[in-house]
Amino acid sequence: MYIAMNRFRIAPGSEEVFEKLWRERDSQLDDVPGFREFHLLRGPGDDSCTLYASHTVWADRASFEAWTESDSFRRAHAQARAPKGTYLGHPEFEGFEVVL
């Protein structure tokens, strides 16, 4: 298996808007070969930001990489527009091969 995560730093007060954006978007994932599951995780927050992570589980790295080059990936990410100031920087990607 392969786990793909993006970490987001969200401006204080923008959490509801960010979560709503993810809740209502058409992720385009349900019919993608190799896709297993998705979770949006809310982490700690302080006066500077609230940390979030998107967490997808894939059958293997090749399935994830194929999705990132697909039309469904482009359609899903075209919906990721949030009001200016919501995101504090670009998402930080982390990919993990499952060993156990």
PDB file of N, CA and C in Angstrom:
ATOM      1  N   MET A   1       0.835  -1.187   0.000  1.00  0.00           N
ATOM      2  CA  MET A   1       0.000   0.000   0.000  1.00  0.00           C
ATOM      3  C   MET A   1       0.878   1.248   0.000  1.00  0.00           C
ATOM      4  N   TYR A   2       0.233   2.351  -0.348  1.00  0.00           N
ATOM      5  CA  TYR A   2       0.902   3.649  -0.389  1.00  0.00           C
ATOM      6  C   TYR A   2      -0.034   4.674   0.243  1.00  0.00           C
ATOM      7  N   ILE A   3       0.518   5.534   1.105  1.00  0.00           N
ATOM      8  CA  ILE A   3      -0.259   6.594   1.739  1.00  0.00           C
ATOM      9  C   ILE A   3       0.279   7.938   1.261  1.00  0.00           C
ATOM     10  N   ALA A   4      -0.622   8.755   0.737  1.00  0.00           N
ATOM     11  CA  ALA A   4      -0.271  10.095   0.264  1.00  0.00           C
ATOM     12  C   ALA A   4      -0.934  11.120   1.170  1.00  0.00           C
ATOM     13  N   MET A   5      -0.131  12.056   1.670  1.00  0.00           N
ATOM     14  CA  MET A   5      -0.659  13.073   2.572  1.00  0.00           C
ATOM     15  C   MET A   5      -0.214  14.453   2.123  1.00  0.00           C
ATOM     16  N   ASN A   6      -1.106  15.412   2.238  1.00  0.00           N
ATOM     17  CA  ASN A   6      -0.774  16.817   2.057  1.00  0.00           C
ATOM     18  C   ASN A   6      -1.082  17.524   3.360  1.00  0.00           C
ATOM     19  N   ARG A   7      -0.121  18.290   3.838  1.00  0.00           N
ATOM     20  CA  ARG A   7      -0.303  19.066   5.069  1.00  0.00           C
ATOM     21  C   ARG A   7      -0.611  20.501   4.687  1.00  0.00           C
ATOM     22  N   PHE A   8      -1.621  21.057   5.342  1.00  0.00           N
ATOM     23  CA  PHE A   8      -2.083  22.414   5.063  1.00  0.00           C
ATOM     24  C   PHE A   8      -2.018  23.244   6.337  1.00  0.00           C
ATOM     25  N   ARG A   9      -1.527  24.452   6.221  1.00  0.00           N
ATOM     26  CA  ARG A   9      -1.589  25.424   7.307  1.00  0.00           C
ATOM     27  C   ARG A   9      -2.705  26.398   6.947  1.00  0.00           C
ATOM     28  N   ILE A  10      -3.734  26.436   7.804  1.00  0.00           N
ATOM     29  CA  ILE A  10      -4.937  27.226   7.538  1.00  0.00           C
ATOM     30  C   ILE A  10      -5.013  28.389   8.530  1.00  0.00           C
ATOM     31  N   ALA A  11      -5.366  29.556   7.999  1.00  0.00           N
ATOM     32  CA  ALA A  11      -5.441  30.770   8.812  1.00  0.00           C
ATOM     33  C   ALA A  11      -6.499  30.620   9.906  1.00  0.00           C
ATOM     34  N   PRO A  12      -6.203  31.098  11.104  1.00  0.00           N
ATOM     35  CA  PRO A  12      -7.199  31.079  12.176  1.00  0.00           C
ATOM     36  C   PRO A  12      -8.482  31.776  11.715  1.00  0.00           C
ATOM     37  N   GLY A  13      -9.615  31.143  11.998  1.00  0.00           N
ATOM     38  CA  GLY A  13     -10.907  31.680  11.592  1.00  0.00           C
ATOM     39  C   GLY A  13     -11.371  31.175  10.236  1.00  0.00           C
ATOM     40  N   SER A  14     -10.502  30.487   9.494  1.00  0.00           N
ATOM     41  CA  SER A  14     -10.853  29.969   8.166  1.00  0.00           C
ATOM     42  C   SER A  14     -11.117  28.467   8.167  1.00  0.00           C
ATOM     43  N   GLU A  15     -11.103  27.856   9.322  1.00  0.00           N
ATOM     44  CA  GLU A  15     -11.255  26.405   9.413  1.00  0.00           C
ATOM     45  C   GLU A  15     -12.592  25.925   8.836  1.00  0.00           C
ATOM     46  N   GLU A  16     -13.671  26.614   9.174  1.00  0.00           N
ATOM     47  CA  GLU A  16     -14.994  26.196   8.701  1.00  0.00           C
ATOM     48  C   GLU A  16     -15.075  26.254   7.166  1.00  0.00           C
ATOM     49  N   VAL A  17     -14.542  27.313   6.587  1.00  0.00           N
ATOM     50  CA  VAL A  17     -14.544  27.463   5.123  1.00  0.00           C
ATOM     51  C   VAL A  17     -13.727  26.344   4.482  1.00  0.00           C
ATOM     52  N   PHE A  18     -12.562  26.056   5.032  1.00  0.00           N
ATOM     53  CA  PHE A  18     -11.690  25.010   4.509  1.00  0.00           C
ATOM     54  C   PHE A  18     -12.373  23.644   4.579  1.00  0.00           C
ATOM     55  N   GLU A  19     -12.949  23.321   5.718  1.00  0.00           N
ATOM     56  CA  GLU A  19     -13.623  22.031   5.879  1.00  0.00           C
ATOM     57  C   GLU A  19     -14.825  21.917   4.950  1.00  0.00           C
ATOM     58  N   LYS A  20     -15.583  22.980   4.798  1.00  0.00           N
ATOM     59  CA  LYS A  20     -16.747  22.973   3.903  1.00  0.00           C
ATOM     60  C   LYS A  20     -16.308  22.730   2.460  1.00  0.00           C
ATOM     61  N   LEU A  21     -15.236  23.364   2.044  1.00  0.00           N
ATOM     62  CA  LEU A  21     -14.703  23.166   0.704  1.00  0.00           C
ATOM     63  C   LEU A  21     -14.405  21.688   0.448  1.00  0.00           C
ATOM     64  N   TRP A  22     -13.768  21.038   1.393  1.00  0.00           N
ATOM     65  CA  TRP A  22     -13.437  19.620   1.239  1.00  0.00           C
ATOM     66  C   TRP A  22     -14.679  18.739   1.330  1.00  0.00           C
ATOM     67  N   ARG A  23     -15.584  19.086   2.221  1.00  0.00           N
ATOM     68  CA  ARG A  23     -16.797  18.283   2.415  1.00  0.00           C
ATOM     69  C   ARG A  23     -17.667  18.272   1.161  1.00  0.00           C
ATOM     70  N   GLU A  24     -17.723  19.399   0.466  1.00  0.00           N
ATOM     71  CA  GLU A  24     -18.651  19.546  -0.661  1.00  0.00           C
ATOM     72  C   GLU A  24     -18.034  19.278  -2.027  1.00  0.00           C
ATOM     73  N   ARG A  25     -16.746  19.131  -2.115  1.00  0.00           N
ATOM     74  CA  ARG A  25     -16.136  18.940  -3.434  1.00  0.00           C
ATOM     75  C   ARG A  25     -16.304  17.513  -3.927  1.00  0.00           C
ATOM     76  N   ASP A  26     -16.316  17.372  -5.220  1.00  0.00           N
ATOM     77  CA  ASP A  26     -16.371  16.059  -5.863  1.00  0.00           C
ATOM     78  C   ASP A  26     -14.936  15.604  -6.027  1.00  0.00           C
ATOM     79  N   SER A  27     -14.507  14.681  -5.195  1.00  0.00           N
ATOM     80  CA  SER A  27     -13.099  14.296  -5.154  1.00  0.00           C
ATOM     81  C   SER A  27     -12.652  13.531  -6.392  1.00  0.00           C
ATOM     82  N   GLN A  28     -13.598  12.950  -7.141  1.00  0.00           N
ATOM     83  CA  GLN A  28     -13.270  12.174  -8.335  1.00  0.00           C
ATOM     84  C   GLN A  28     -12.504  10.896  -7.991  1.00  0.00           C
ATOM     85  N   LEU A  29     -12.499  10.464  -6.730  1.00  0.00           N
ATOM     86  CA  LEU A  29     -11.684   9.320  -6.327  1.00  0.00           C
ATOM     87  C   LEU A  29     -12.398   7.975  -6.369  1.00  0.00           C
ATOM     88  N   ASP A  30     -13.693   7.953  -6.219  1.00  0.00           N
ATOM     89  CA  ASP A  30     -14.402   6.684  -6.038  1.00  0.00           C
ATOM     90  C   ASP A  30     -14.175   5.653  -7.136  1.00  0.00           C
ATOM     91  N   ASP A  31     -13.981   6.091  -8.352  1.00  0.00           N
ATOM     92  CA  ASP A  31     -13.812   5.157  -9.464  1.00  0.00           C
ATOM     93  C   ASP A  31     -12.367   5.042  -9.942  1.00  0.00           C
ATOM     94  N   VAL A  32     -11.428   5.585  -9.183  1.00  0.00           N
ATOM     95  CA  VAL A  32     -10.027   5.555  -9.593  1.00  0.00           C
ATOM     96  C   VAL A  32      -9.415   4.209  -9.214  1.00  0.00           C
ATOM     97  N   PRO A  33      -8.809   3.515 -10.184  1.00  0.00           N
ATOM     98  CA  PRO A  33      -8.166   2.235  -9.877  1.00  0.00           C
ATOM     99  C   PRO A  33      -7.095   2.385  -8.798  1.00  0.00           C
ATOM    100  N   GLY A  34      -7.141   1.527  -7.799  1.00  0.00           N
ATOM    101  CA  GLY A  34      -6.152   1.521  -6.732  1.00  0.00           C
ATOM    102  C   GLY A  34      -6.482   2.381  -5.534  1.00  0.00           C
ATOM    103  N   PHE A  35      -7.493   3.257  -5.642  1.00  0.00           N
ATOM    104  CA  PHE A  35      -7.878   4.102  -4.506  1.00  0.00           C
ATOM    105  C   PHE A  35      -8.564   3.258  -3.449  1.00  0.00           C
ATOM    106  N   ARG A  36      -8.198   3.450  -2.179  1.00  0.00           N
ATOM    107  CA  ARG A  36      -8.794   2.699  -1.068  1.00  0.00           C
ATOM    108  C   ARG A  36      -9.638   3.570  -0.140  1.00  0.00           C
ATOM    109  N   GLU A  37      -9.054   4.670   0.369  1.00  0.00           N
ATOM    110  CA  GLU A  37      -9.817   5.508   1.301  1.00  0.00           C
ATOM    111  C   GLU A  37      -9.218   6.896   1.418  1.00  0.00           C
ATOM    112  N   PHE A  38     -10.037   7.821   1.913  1.00  0.00           N
ATOM    113  CA  PHE A  38      -9.646   9.217   2.100  1.00  0.00           C
ATOM    114  C   PHE A  38     -10.089   9.684   3.480  1.00  0.00           C
ATOM    115  N   HIS A  39      -9.261  10.519   4.092  1.00  0.00           N
ATOM    116  CA  HIS A  39      -9.614  11.180   5.350  1.00  0.00           C
ATOM    117  C   HIS A  39      -9.041  12.594   5.335  1.00  0.00           C
ATOM    118  N   LEU A  40      -9.789  13.534   5.879  1.00  0.00           N
ATOM    119  CA  LEU A  40      -9.273  14.868   6.136  1.00  0.00           C
ATOM    120  C   LEU A  40      -9.077  14.963   7.643  1.00  0.00           C
ATOM    121  N   LEU A  41      -7.868  15.260   8.057  1.00  0.00           N
ATOM    122  CA  LEU A  41      -7.511  15.276   9.470  1.00  0.00           C
ATOM    123  C   LEU A  41      -7.288  16.706   9.944  1.00  0.00           C
ATOM    124  N   ARG A  42      -7.870  17.050  11.088  1.00  0.00           N
ATOM    125  CA  ARG A  42      -7.621  18.353  11.706  1.00  0.00           C
ATOM    126  C   ARG A  42      -6.632  18.134  12.840  1.00  0.00           C
ATOM    127  N   GLY A  43      -5.557  18.879  12.820  1.00  0.00           N
ATOM    128  CA  GLY A  43      -4.524  18.749  13.840  1.00  0.00           C
ATOM    129  C   GLY A  43      -4.564  19.900  14.814  1.00  0.00           C
ATOM    130  N   PRO A  44      -3.445  20.137  15.450  1.00  0.00           N
ATOM    131  CA  PRO A  44      -3.385  21.211  16.443  1.00  0.00           C
ATOM    132  C   PRO A  44      -3.462  22.585  15.797  1.00  0.00           C
ATOM    133  N   GLY A  45      -3.889  23.538  16.598  1.00  0.00           N
ATOM    134  CA  GLY A  45      -3.951  24.924  16.161  1.00  0.00           C
ATOM    135  C   GLY A  45      -3.398  25.841  17.224  1.00  0.00           C
ATOM    136  N   ASP A  46      -2.976  26.998  16.791  1.00  0.00           N
ATOM    137  CA  ASP A  46      -2.525  28.037  17.722  1.00  0.00           C
ATOM    138  C   ASP A  46      -2.867  29.395  17.104  1.00  0.00           C
ATOM    139  N   ASP A  47      -2.287  30.441  17.609  1.00  0.00           N
ATOM    140  CA  ASP A  47      -2.599  31.782  17.105  1.00  0.00           C
ATOM    141  C   ASP A  47      -2.144  32.003  15.661  1.00  0.00           C
ATOM    142  N   SER A  48      -1.236  31.151  15.171  1.00  0.00           N
ATOM    143  CA  SER A  48      -0.701  31.369  13.829  1.00  0.00           C
ATOM    144  C   SER A  48      -1.415  30.549  12.757  1.00  0.00           C
ATOM    145  N   CYS A  49      -1.939  29.356  13.100  1.00  0.00           N
ATOM    146  CA  CYS A  49      -2.603  28.516  12.098  1.00  0.00           C
ATOM    147  C   CYS A  49      -3.244  27.291  12.746  1.00  0.00           C
ATOM    148  N   THR A  50      -4.045  26.597  11.940  1.00  0.00           N
ATOM    149  CA  THR A  50      -4.541  25.261  12.285  1.00  0.00           C
ATOM    150  C   THR A  50      -3.972  24.320  11.238  1.00  0.00           C
ATOM    151  N   LEU A  51      -3.435  23.202  11.689  1.00  0.00           N
ATOM    152  CA  LEU A  51      -2.823  22.225  10.801  1.00  0.00           C
ATOM    153  C   LEU A  51      -3.862  21.192  10.361  1.00  0.00           C
ATOM    154  N   TYR A  52      -3.907  20.914   9.067  1.00  0.00           N
ATOM    155  CA  TYR A  52      -4.762  19.873   8.503  1.00  0.00           C
ATOM    156  C   TYR A  52      -3.904  18.958   7.648  1.00  0.00           C
ATOM    157  N   ALA A  53      -4.385  17.736   7.423  1.00  0.00           N
ATOM    158  CA  ALA A  53      -3.739  16.824   6.481  1.00  0.00           C
ATOM    159  C   ALA A  53      -4.815  16.073   5.719  1.00  0.00           C
ATOM    160  N   SER A  54      -4.635  15.992   4.401  1.00  0.00           N
ATOM    161  CA  SER A  54      -5.457  15.079   3.609  1.00  0.00           C
ATOM    162  C   SER A  54      -4.683  13.767   3.565  1.00  0.00           C
ATOM    163  N   HIS A  55      -5.391  12.661   3.684  1.00  0.00           N
ATOM    164  CA  HIS A  55      -4.761  11.350   3.846  1.00  0.00           C
ATOM    165  C   HIS A  55      -5.477  10.379   2.916  1.00  0.00           C
ATOM    166  N   THR A  56      -4.781   9.915   1.884  1.00  0.00           N
ATOM    167  CA  THR A  56      -5.369   8.929   0.974  1.00  0.00           C
ATOM    168  C   THR A  56      -4.559   7.652   1.038  1.00  0.00           C
ATOM    169  N   VAL A  57      -5.277   6.526   0.964  1.00  0.00           N
ATOM    170  CA  VAL A  57      -4.648   5.211   0.957  1.00  0.00           C
ATOM    171  C   VAL A  57      -4.862   4.606  -0.426  1.00  0.00           C
ATOM    172  N   TRP A  58      -3.785   4.082  -0.994  1.00  0.00           N
ATOM    173  CA  TRP A  58      -3.780   3.521  -2.342  1.00  0.00           C
ATOM    174  C   TRP A  58      -3.259   2.097  -2.318  1.00  0.00           C
ATOM    175  N   ALA A  59      -3.627   1.327  -3.323  1.00  0.00           N
ATOM    176  CA  ALA A  59      -3.136  -0.049  -3.444  1.00  0.00           C
ATOM    177  C   ALA A  59      -1.613  -0.054  -3.565  1.00  0.00           C
ATOM    178  N   ASP A  60      -1.076   0.924  -4.284  1.00  0.00           N
ATOM    179  CA  ASP A  60       0.370   1.023  -4.480  1.00  0.00           C
ATOM    180  C   ASP A  60       0.718   2.425  -4.990  1.00  0.00           C
ATOM    181  N   ARG A  61       1.994   2.712  -4.999  1.00  0.00           N
ATOM    182  CA  ARG A  61       2.456   4.033  -5.434  1.00  0.00           C
ATOM    183  C   ARG A  61       2.097   4.300  -6.896  1.00  0.00           C
ATOM    184  N   ALA A  62       2.178   3.279  -7.735  1.00  0.00           N
ATOM    185  CA  ALA A  62       1.870   3.440  -9.160  1.00  0.00           C
ATOM    186  C   ALA A  62       0.430   3.905  -9.368  1.00  0.00           C
ATOM    187  N   SER A  63      -0.501   3.403  -8.565  1.00  0.00           N
ATOM    188  CA  SER A  63      -1.909   3.824  -8.673  1.00  0.00           C
ATOM    189  C   SER A  63      -2.050   5.296  -8.319  1.00  0.00           C
ATOM    190  N   PHE A  64      -1.379   5.726  -7.251  1.00  0.00           N
ATOM    191  CA  PHE A  64      -1.418   7.139  -6.863  1.00  0.00           C
ATOM    192  C   PHE A  64      -0.833   8.019  -7.960  1.00  0.00           C
ATOM    193  N   GLU A  65       0.328   7.642  -8.475  1.00  0.00           N
ATOM    194  CA  GLU A  65       0.985   8.448  -9.504  1.00  0.00           C
ATOM    195  C   GLU A  65       0.156   8.521 -10.782  1.00  0.00           C
ATOM    196  N   ALA A  66      -0.508   7.418 -11.144  1.00  0.00           N
ATOM    197  CA  ALA A  66      -1.374   7.428 -12.327  1.00  0.00           C
ATOM    198  C   ALA A  66      -2.521   8.412 -12.122  1.00  0.00           C
ATOM    199  N   TRP A  67      -3.082   8.445 -10.910  1.00  0.00           N
ATOM    200  CA  TRP A  67      -4.169   9.380 -10.629  1.00  0.00           C
ATOM    201  C   TRP A  67      -3.699  10.826 -10.759  1.00  0.00           C
ATOM    202  N   THR A  68      -2.484  11.129 -10.282  1.00  0.00           N
ATOM    203  CA  THR A  68      -1.995  12.517 -10.333  1.00  0.00           C
ATOM    204  C   THR A  68      -1.796  13.010 -11.763  1.00  0.00           C
ATOM    205  N   GLU A  69      -1.766  12.102 -12.721  1.00  0.00           N
ATOM    206  CA  GLU A  69      -1.603  12.473 -14.126  1.00  0.00           C
ATOM    207  C   GLU A  69      -2.909  12.379 -14.912  1.00  0.00           C
ATOM    208  N   SER A  70      -4.015  12.153 -14.208  1.00  0.00           N
ATOM    209  CA  SER A  70      -5.305  11.906 -14.866  1.00  0.00           C
ATOM    210  C   SER A  70      -6.184  13.156 -14.966  1.00  0.00           C
ATOM    211  N   ASP A  71      -7.195  13.065 -15.832  1.00  0.00           N
ATOM    212  CA  ASP A  71      -8.184  14.142 -15.942  1.00  0.00           C
ATOM    213  C   ASP A  71      -8.985  14.279 -14.649  1.00  0.00           C
ATOM    214  N   SER A  72      -9.273  13.163 -13.956  1.00  0.00           N
ATOM    215  CA  SER A  72     -10.042  13.247 -12.718  1.00  0.00           C
ATOM    216  C   SER A  72      -9.262  14.018 -11.649  1.00  0.00           C
ATOM    217  N   PHE A  73      -7.950  13.893 -11.634  1.00  0.00           N
ATOM    218  CA  PHE A  73      -7.115  14.671 -10.705  1.00  0.00           C
ATOM    219  C   PHE A  73      -7.250  16.160 -11.004  1.00  0.00           C
ATOM    220  N   ARG A  74      -7.153  16.532 -12.280  1.00  0.00           N
ATOM    221  CA  ARG A  74      -7.266  17.945 -12.656  1.00  0.00           C
ATOM    222  C   ARG A  74      -8.649  18.504 -12.322  1.00  0.00           C
ATOM    223  N   ARG A  75      -9.701  17.710 -12.556  1.00  0.00           N
ATOM    224  CA  ARG A  75     -11.063  18.174 -12.227  1.00  0.00           C
ATOM    225  C   ARG A  75     -11.228  18.362 -10.725  1.00  0.00           C
ATOM    226  N   ALA A  76     -10.740  17.422  -9.939  1.00  0.00           N
ATOM    227  CA  ALA A  76     -10.871  17.511  -8.479  1.00  0.00           C
ATOM    228  C   ALA A  76     -10.128  18.728  -7.935  1.00  0.00           C
ATOM    229  N   HIS A  77      -8.942  18.997  -8.448  1.00  0.00           N
ATOM    230  CA  HIS A  77      -8.153  20.101  -7.929  1.00  0.00           C
ATOM    231  C   HIS A  77      -8.574  21.458  -8.474  1.00  0.00           C
ATOM    232  N   ALA A  78      -9.333  21.473  -9.543  1.00  0.00           N
ATOM    233  CA  ALA A  78      -9.876  22.737 -10.048  1.00  0.00           C
ATOM    234  C   ALA A  78     -10.914  23.294  -9.079  1.00  0.00           C
ATOM    235  N   GLN A  79     -11.485  22.431  -8.235  1.00  0.00           N
ATOM    236  CA  GLN A  79     -12.501  22.840  -7.262  1.00  0.00           C
ATOM    237  C   GLN A  79     -11.884  23.318  -5.950  1.00  0.00           C
ATOM    238  N   ALA A  80     -10.575  23.274  -5.827  1.00  0.00           N
ATOM    239  CA  ALA A  80      -9.909  23.525  -4.547  1.00  0.00           C
ATOM    240  C   ALA A  80      -9.682  25.006  -4.265  1.00  0.00           C
ATOM    241  N   ARG A  81     -10.468  25.866  -4.850  1.00  0.00           N
ATOM    242  CA  ARG A  81     -10.308  27.308  -4.648  1.00  0.00           C
ATOM    243  C   ARG A  81     -10.956  27.729  -3.324  1.00  0.00           C
ATOM    244  N   ALA A  82     -10.193  28.429  -2.537  1.00  0.00           N
ATOM    245  CA  ALA A  82     -10.699  28.950  -1.260  1.00  0.00           C
ATOM    246  C   ALA A  82     -10.483  30.463  -1.264  1.00  0.00           C
ATOM    247  N   PRO A  83     -11.223  31.174  -0.434  1.00  0.00           N
ATOM    248  CA  PRO A  83     -11.019  32.620  -0.353  1.00  0.00           C
ATOM    249  C   PRO A  83      -9.556  32.953  -0.038  1.00  0.00           C
ATOM    250  N   LYS A  84      -9.091  34.042  -0.617  1.00  0.00           N
ATOM    251  CA  LYS A  84      -7.717  34.480  -0.394  1.00  0.00           C
ATOM    252  C   LYS A  84      -7.450  34.600   1.103  1.00  0.00           C
ATOM    253  N   GLY A  85      -6.300  34.109   1.516  1.00  0.00           N
ATOM    254  CA  GLY A  85      -5.911  34.177   2.922  1.00  0.00           C
ATOM    255  C   GLY A  85      -6.252  32.928   3.716  1.00  0.00           C
ATOM    256  N   THR A  86      -6.985  31.983   3.115  1.00  0.00           N
ATOM    257  CA  THR A  86      -7.333  30.741   3.817  1.00  0.00           C
ATOM    258  C   THR A  86      -6.085  29.895   4.043  1.00  0.00           C
ATOM    259  N   TYR A  87      -5.346  29.683   2.955  1.00  0.00           N
ATOM    260  CA  TYR A  87      -4.129  28.865   3.012  1.00  0.00           C
ATOM    261  C   TYR A  87      -2.942  29.741   3.386  1.00  0.00           C
ATOM    262  N   LEU A  88      -2.136  29.281   4.323  1.00  0.00           N
ATOM    263  CA  LEU A  88      -0.911  29.978   4.705  1.00  0.00           C
ATOM    264  C   LEU A  88       0.258  29.228   4.072  1.00  0.00           C
ATOM    265  N   GLY A  89       0.431  29.424   2.793  1.00  0.00           N
ATOM    266  CA  GLY A  89       1.476  28.726   2.062  1.00  0.00           C
ATOM    267  C   GLY A  89       0.910  27.565   1.273  1.00  0.00           C
ATOM    268  N   HIS A  90       1.796  26.933   0.510  1.00  0.00           N
ATOM    269  CA  HIS A  90       1.410  25.792  -0.314  1.00  0.00           C
ATOM    270  C   HIS A  90       1.315  24.532   0.540  1.00  0.00           C
ATOM    271  N   PRO A  91       0.474  23.567   0.130  1.00  0.00           N
ATOM    272  CA  PRO A  91       0.440  22.290   0.843  1.00  0.00           C
ATOM    273  C   PRO A  91       1.809  21.615   0.779  1.00  0.00           C
ATOM    274  N   GLU A  92       2.111  20.839   1.792  1.00  0.00           N
ATOM    275  CA  GLU A  92       3.359  20.074   1.846  1.00  0.00           C
ATOM    276  C   GLU A  92       3.025  18.606   1.665  1.00  0.00           C
ATOM    277  N   PHE A  93       3.520  18.015   0.567  1.00  0.00           N
ATOM    278  CA  PHE A  93       3.237  16.616   0.262  1.00  0.00           C
ATOM    279  C   PHE A  93       4.200  15.682   0.998  1.00  0.00           C
ATOM    280  N   GLU A  94       3.633  14.558   1.457  1.00  0.00           N
ATOM    281  CA  GLU A  94       4.420  13.480   2.048  1.00  0.00           C
ATOM    282  C   GLU A  94       3.851  12.163   1.543  1.00  0.00           C
ATOM    283  N   GLY A  95       4.690  11.296   0.998  1.00  0.00           N
ATOM    284  CA  GLY A  95       4.255   9.993   0.529  1.00  0.00           C
ATOM    285  C   GLY A  95       4.955   8.888   1.293  1.00  0.00           C
ATOM    286  N   PHE A  96       4.211   7.824   1.591  1.00  0.00           N
ATOM    287  CA  PHE A  96       4.753   6.743   2.421  1.00  0.00           C
ATOM    288  C   PHE A  96       4.430   5.381   1.833  1.00  0.00           C
ATOM    289  N   GLU A  97       5.430   4.532   1.708  1.00  0.00           N
ATOM    290  CA  GLU A  97       5.240   3.131   1.369  1.00  0.00           C
ATOM    291  C   GLU A  97       4.909   2.408   2.673  1.00  0.00           C
ATOM    292  N   VAL A  98       3.853   1.623   2.681  1.00  0.00           N
ATOM    293  CA  VAL A  98       3.489   0.867   3.870  1.00  0.00           C
ATOM    294  C   VAL A  98       4.405  -0.350   3.975  1.00  0.00           C
ATOM    295  N   VAL A  99       5.065  -0.515   5.115  1.00  0.00           N
ATOM    296  CA  VAL A  99       5.981  -1.639   5.300  1.00  0.00           C
ATOM    297  C   VAL A  99       5.408  -2.708   6.229  1.00  0.00           C
ATOM    298  N   LEU A 100       4.476  -2.359   7.084  1.00  0.00           N
ATOM    299  CA  LEU A 100       3.836  -3.330   7.997  1.00  0.00           C
ATOM    300  C   LEU A 100       2.338  -3.137   7.958  1.00  0.00           C
TER     301      LEU A 100
END
